[in-house]
Amino acid sequence: MNNQDELKAAAAHAAVEMVESGMVIGLGTGSTANYATRRIGELYRTGALTDIVGIPSSIRTEELARELRIPLTTFDQHPRIDVTIDGADEVDPSLNLIKGGGGALLREKVLAQATHKNLIIVDESKMSARLGQKWAIPIEVIPFAVDSEEIFLKSIGGKPLRRETDDGKPYQTDQGNYILDTDFGPIGNLDELAGYLNDRAGIVEHGLFLGLAAAVIVARESGIERMER
């Protein structure tokens, strides 16, 4: 592993220490979250964790969890999640987040809103004085509305870019939607921007995760830092 991978793994392992036997666990998506899922699978395999079930936030995470033989469940069986461990693309000092770089923002937000305690794991490169300084906001839109929402996002100061696959085709989420990665620059009023995005019928979900993180575990060169809301 390179140094950044080592930091991601360190943050993930620190978060998994807070997982207990008998819990319903939300399994995040992305390179950092994968370290947590693999650690949970390891502890379950050795018997250090027992009687757990997971709810994955994407098809990719579901496939990984099945490969690790982590028992999976659904909201129908377990409508409330005890703890979710997930990554983030950018984190501000108030623990607000930008998420969705991996394309799973809709399911990730569903899990976050159904979770008692959301643990966010990042390496220090993800920390930012203000959201939007380092990362565009992923905005998931229905294909029917992509042109209309692109015009709308430009009208409120955004610079949307349609996400594509490596072969130049439109990227589609697990729900079959498109993503407009929209650069607003450093965002002054997060709640106001979230309100504009929430009011648009063609926008299914956006990557602003405001007030949802209970704690952020940051892996720094100097060690692990835990920030709590």
Protein backbone atom coordinates (compact mmCIF):
# COMPACT_ATOMS: atom_id res chain seq x y z
CA MET A 1 0.00 0.00 0.00
CA ASN A 2 1.10 3.58 -0.61
CA ASN A 3 0.98 6.12 2.19
CA GLN A 4 -2.54 7.34 1.41
CA ASP A 5 -3.83 3.77 1.35
CA GLU A 6 -2.23 3.19 4.74
CA LEU A 7 -4.00 6.26 6.13
CA LYS A 8 -7.34 5.12 4.70
CA ALA A 9 -6.90 1.68 6.27
CA ALA A 10 -5.95 3.22 9.61
CA ALA A 11 -9.10 5.37 9.68
CA ALA A 12 -11.25 2.39 8.69
CA HIS A 13 -9.82 0.11 11.35
CA ALA A 14 -10.30 2.80 14.02
CA ALA A 15 -13.97 3.10 13.07
CA VAL A 16 -14.56 -0.66 13.07
CA GLU A 17 -13.36 -0.77 16.67
CA MET A 18 -16.70 0.89 17.50
CA VAL A 19 -18.71 -1.92 15.90
CA GLU A 20 -20.15 -4.43 18.36
CA SER A 21 -21.63 -7.90 18.02
CA GLY A 22 -25.38 -7.89 17.39
CA MET A 23 -25.35 -4.66 15.38
CA VAL A 24 -27.02 -3.77 12.10
CA ILE A 25 -24.22 -2.15 10.09
CA GLY A 26 -24.47 0.19 7.12
CA LEU A 27 -21.68 -0.62 4.65
CA GLY A 28 -20.38 2.39 2.74
CA THR A 29 -19.03 2.62 -0.79
CA GLY A 30 -15.61 3.69 -2.01
CA SER A 31 -11.96 2.90 -1.49
CA THR A 32 -11.84 3.99 2.16
CA ALA A 33 -15.14 2.33 3.09
CA ASN A 34 -13.92 -0.89 1.48
CA TYR A 35 -11.16 -1.12 4.08
CA ALA A 36 -13.84 -1.00 6.79
CA THR A 37 -15.97 -3.66 5.08
CA ARG A 38 -12.94 -5.93 4.70
CA ARG A 39 -12.05 -5.44 8.37
CA ILE A 40 -15.62 -6.28 9.44
CA GLY A 41 -15.47 -9.40 7.30
CA GLU A 42 -12.20 -10.41 8.90
CA LEU A 43 -13.53 -9.95 12.43
CA TYR A 44 -16.72 -11.85 11.57
CA ARG A 45 -14.74 -14.72 10.06
CA THR A 46 -12.56 -15.06 13.18
CA GLY A 47 -15.52 -14.85 15.54
CA ALA A 48 -14.51 -11.50 17.07
CA LEU A 49 -17.83 -10.12 15.79
CA THR A 50 -20.96 -12.26 15.96
CA ASP A 51 -24.65 -11.89 15.13
CA ILE A 52 -24.11 -8.92 12.79
CA VAL A 53 -25.94 -8.05 9.57
CA GLY A 54 -25.05 -5.46 6.97
CA ILE A 55 -26.98 -3.21 4.59
CA PRO A 56 -24.80 -2.22 1.61
CA SER A 57 -24.99 1.20 -0.02
CA SER A 58 -24.27 0.00 -3.56
CA ILE A 59 -24.19 -3.05 -5.77
CA ARG A 60 -20.37 -2.96 -5.63
CA THR A 61 -20.40 -3.02 -1.85
CA GLU A 62 -22.99 -5.79 -1.83
CA GLU A 63 -20.73 -7.89 -4.04
CA LEU A 64 -17.76 -7.27 -1.74
CA ALA A 65 -19.78 -8.14 1.37
CA ARG A 66 -20.99 -11.39 -0.19
CA GLU A 67 -17.42 -12.23 -1.16
CA LEU A 68 -16.44 -11.71 2.50
CA ARG A 69 -19.50 -13.71 3.63
CA ILE A 70 -20.89 -10.89 5.74
CA PRO A 71 -24.58 -11.62 6.40
CA LEU A 72 -26.78 -9.08 4.62
CA THR A 73 -30.25 -7.79 5.39
CA THR A 74 -32.81 -5.28 4.09
CA PHE A 75 -34.75 -2.32 5.47
CA ASP A 76 -37.84 -4.52 5.44
CA GLN A 77 -36.20 -6.75 8.05
CA HIS A 78 -34.18 -4.05 9.86
CA PRO A 79 -35.53 -0.53 9.25
CA ARG A 80 -33.02 1.05 11.64
CA ILE A 81 -29.23 0.83 11.34
CA ASP A 82 -27.06 0.96 14.45
CA VAL A 83 -23.90 2.29 12.82
CA THR A 84 -22.83 3.13 9.28
CA ILE A 85 -19.18 3.46 8.27
CA ASP A 86 -18.59 5.42 5.08
CA GLY A 87 -16.06 7.71 3.46
CA ALA A 88 -16.37 11.27 2.17
CA ASP A 89 -14.83 13.36 -0.58
CA GLU A 90 -14.60 16.55 1.46
CA VAL A 91 -15.22 17.42 5.13
CA ASP A 92 -15.52 20.88 6.70
CA PRO A 93 -14.87 21.85 10.35
CA SER A 94 -18.59 21.46 11.19
CA LEU A 95 -18.51 17.86 9.88
CA ASN A 96 -20.61 18.66 6.84
CA LEU A 97 -19.67 16.52 3.86
CA ILE A 98 -19.52 16.24 0.12
CA LYS A 99 -20.09 12.64 -0.94
CA GLY A 100 -20.82 10.83 -4.16
CA GLY A 101 -17.47 10.58 -5.89
CA GLY A 102 -18.10 6.85 -6.15
CA GLY A 103 -21.57 7.40 -7.59
CA ALA A 104 -23.55 5.91 -4.68
CA LEU A 105 -24.78 9.16 -3.08
CA LEU A 106 -28.49 8.32 -3.21
CA ARG A 107 -28.24 5.00 -1.39
CA GLU A 108 -25.56 6.40 0.90
CA LYS A 109 -27.88 9.19 2.02
CA VAL A 110 -30.74 6.72 2.54
CA LEU A 111 -28.47 4.72 4.85
CA ALA A 112 -27.21 7.83 6.62
CA GLN A 113 -30.72 9.05 7.39
CA ALA A 114 -31.72 5.64 8.75
CA THR A 115 -28.66 5.30 10.97
CA HIS A 116 -28.31 5.99 14.68
CA LYS A 117 -24.58 6.80 14.39
CA ASN A 118 -22.81 7.70 11.17
CA LEU A 119 -19.03 7.30 11.29
CA ILE A 120 -17.14 8.99 8.46
CA ILE A 121 -13.60 7.82 7.72
CA VAL A 122 -11.13 9.93 5.74
CA ASP A 123 -7.45 10.62 5.34
CA GLU A 124 -6.27 14.14 6.05
CA SER A 125 -6.37 15.19 2.38
CA LYS A 126 -10.19 15.25 2.56
CA MET A 127 -10.33 18.00 5.20
CA SER A 128 -11.26 21.46 3.98
CA ALA A 129 -11.92 24.87 5.50
CA ARG A 130 -15.04 25.20 3.34
CA LEU A 131 -16.91 22.69 1.20
CA GLY A 132 -16.43 23.18 -2.50
CA GLN A 133 -12.79 24.19 -2.26
CA LYS A 134 -11.58 20.75 -3.32
CA TRP A 135 -14.55 18.90 -4.77
CA ALA A 136 -17.49 19.47 -7.09
CA ILE A 137 -20.90 18.38 -5.81
CA PRO A 138 -22.20 15.18 -7.42
CA ILE A 139 -25.85 15.76 -8.35
CA GLU A 140 -27.94 12.76 -9.39
CA VAL A 141 -30.63 13.54 -11.98
CA ILE A 142 -33.14 11.48 -13.89
CA PRO A 143 -32.12 11.07 -17.56
CA PHE A 144 -35.33 12.79 -18.74
CA ALA A 145 -34.34 16.00 -16.92
CA VAL A 146 -30.58 16.15 -17.46
CA ASP A 147 -30.68 19.03 -19.97
CA SER A 148 -33.12 21.05 -17.88
CA GLU A 149 -31.20 20.55 -14.65
CA GLU A 150 -27.91 21.41 -16.34
CA ILE A 151 -29.40 24.78 -17.33
CA PHE A 152 -30.77 25.28 -13.81
CA LEU A 153 -27.43 24.52 -12.15
CA LYS A 154 -25.71 27.07 -14.38
CA SER A 155 -28.37 29.64 -13.44
CA ILE A 156 -27.48 29.37 -9.75
CA GLY A 157 -23.75 29.68 -10.30
CA GLY A 158 -22.72 26.08 -10.85
CA LYS A 159 -20.50 24.61 -13.53
CA PRO A 160 -21.98 21.15 -14.22
CA LEU A 161 -20.05 18.40 -15.94
CA ARG A 162 -21.78 15.24 -17.05
CA ARG A 163 -20.02 12.23 -15.54
CA GLU A 164 -18.94 9.66 -18.10
CA THR A 165 -17.51 6.17 -18.06
CA ASP A 166 -13.98 5.45 -19.28
CA ASP A 167 -15.34 4.74 -22.77
CA GLY A 168 -17.16 8.07 -22.98
CA LYS A 169 -20.69 6.86 -22.28
CA PRO A 170 -22.95 8.54 -19.70
CA TYR A 171 -22.23 7.20 -16.22
CA GLN A 172 -25.34 5.61 -14.70
CA THR A 173 -25.94 5.04 -11.01
CA ASP A 174 -27.33 1.84 -9.50
CA GLN A 175 -30.76 3.45 -9.93
CA GLY A 176 -30.16 4.19 -13.62
CA ASN A 177 -29.72 7.96 -13.18
CA TYR A 178 -27.05 10.36 -14.43
CA ILE A 179 -24.63 12.47 -12.37
CA LEU A 180 -23.77 16.11 -12.95
CA ASP A 181 -20.56 16.92 -11.06
CA THR A 182 -21.15 20.59 -10.36
CA ASP A 183 -18.47 23.02 -9.26
CA PHE A 184 -19.80 25.91 -7.17
CA GLY A 185 -16.42 26.91 -5.79
CA PRO A 186 -16.19 27.45 -2.00
CA ILE A 187 -19.80 27.40 -0.81
CA GLY A 188 -20.91 30.24 1.44
CA ASN A 189 -24.39 29.08 2.47
CA LEU A 190 -24.73 25.30 2.45
CA ASP A 191 -28.35 25.23 3.60
CA GLU A 192 -29.44 27.67 0.92
CA LEU A 193 -27.76 25.69 -1.84
CA ALA A 194 -29.17 22.41 -0.52
CA GLY A 195 -32.62 24.02 -0.54
CA TYR A 196 -32.31 25.01 -4.19
CA LEU A 197 -31.26 21.48 -5.11
CA ASN A 198 -33.96 19.83 -2.97
CA ASP A 199 -36.69 21.84 -4.70
CA ARG A 200 -35.92 20.57 -8.20
CA ALA A 201 -38.07 17.65 -9.33
CA GLY A 202 -35.46 16.35 -11.78
CA ILE A 203 -32.77 16.18 -9.12
CA VAL A 204 -33.05 12.85 -7.33
CA GLU A 205 -30.36 13.60 -4.73
CA HIS A 206 -27.21 15.65 -4.21
CA GLY A 207 -23.89 15.09 -2.51
CA LEU A 208 -24.25 17.66 0.27
CA PHE A 209 -24.54 15.65 3.48
CA LEU A 210 -25.37 18.25 6.10
CA GLY A 211 -25.68 17.42 9.79
CA LEU A 212 -25.57 13.66 9.21
CA ALA A 213 -22.12 12.72 10.51
CA ALA A 214 -21.94 11.85 14.20
CA ALA A 215 -18.15 11.59 14.07
CA VAL A 216 -15.36 11.92 11.53
CA ILE A 217 -12.26 9.79 11.99
CA VAL A 218 -9.28 11.41 10.29
CA ALA A 219 -6.08 9.49 9.65
CA ARG A 220 -3.18 11.94 9.73
CA GLU A 221 0.54 11.40 9.46
CA SER A 222 0.68 12.25 13.17
CA GLY A 223 -2.00 9.69 14.11
CA ILE A 224 -5.76 9.20 14.31
CA GLU A 225 -7.97 12.20 15.13
CA ARG A 226 -11.63 11.76 16.07
CA MET A 227 -13.91 14.74 15.54
CA GLU A 228 -17.42 14.61 17.00
CA ARG A 229 -20.42 16.79 16.30
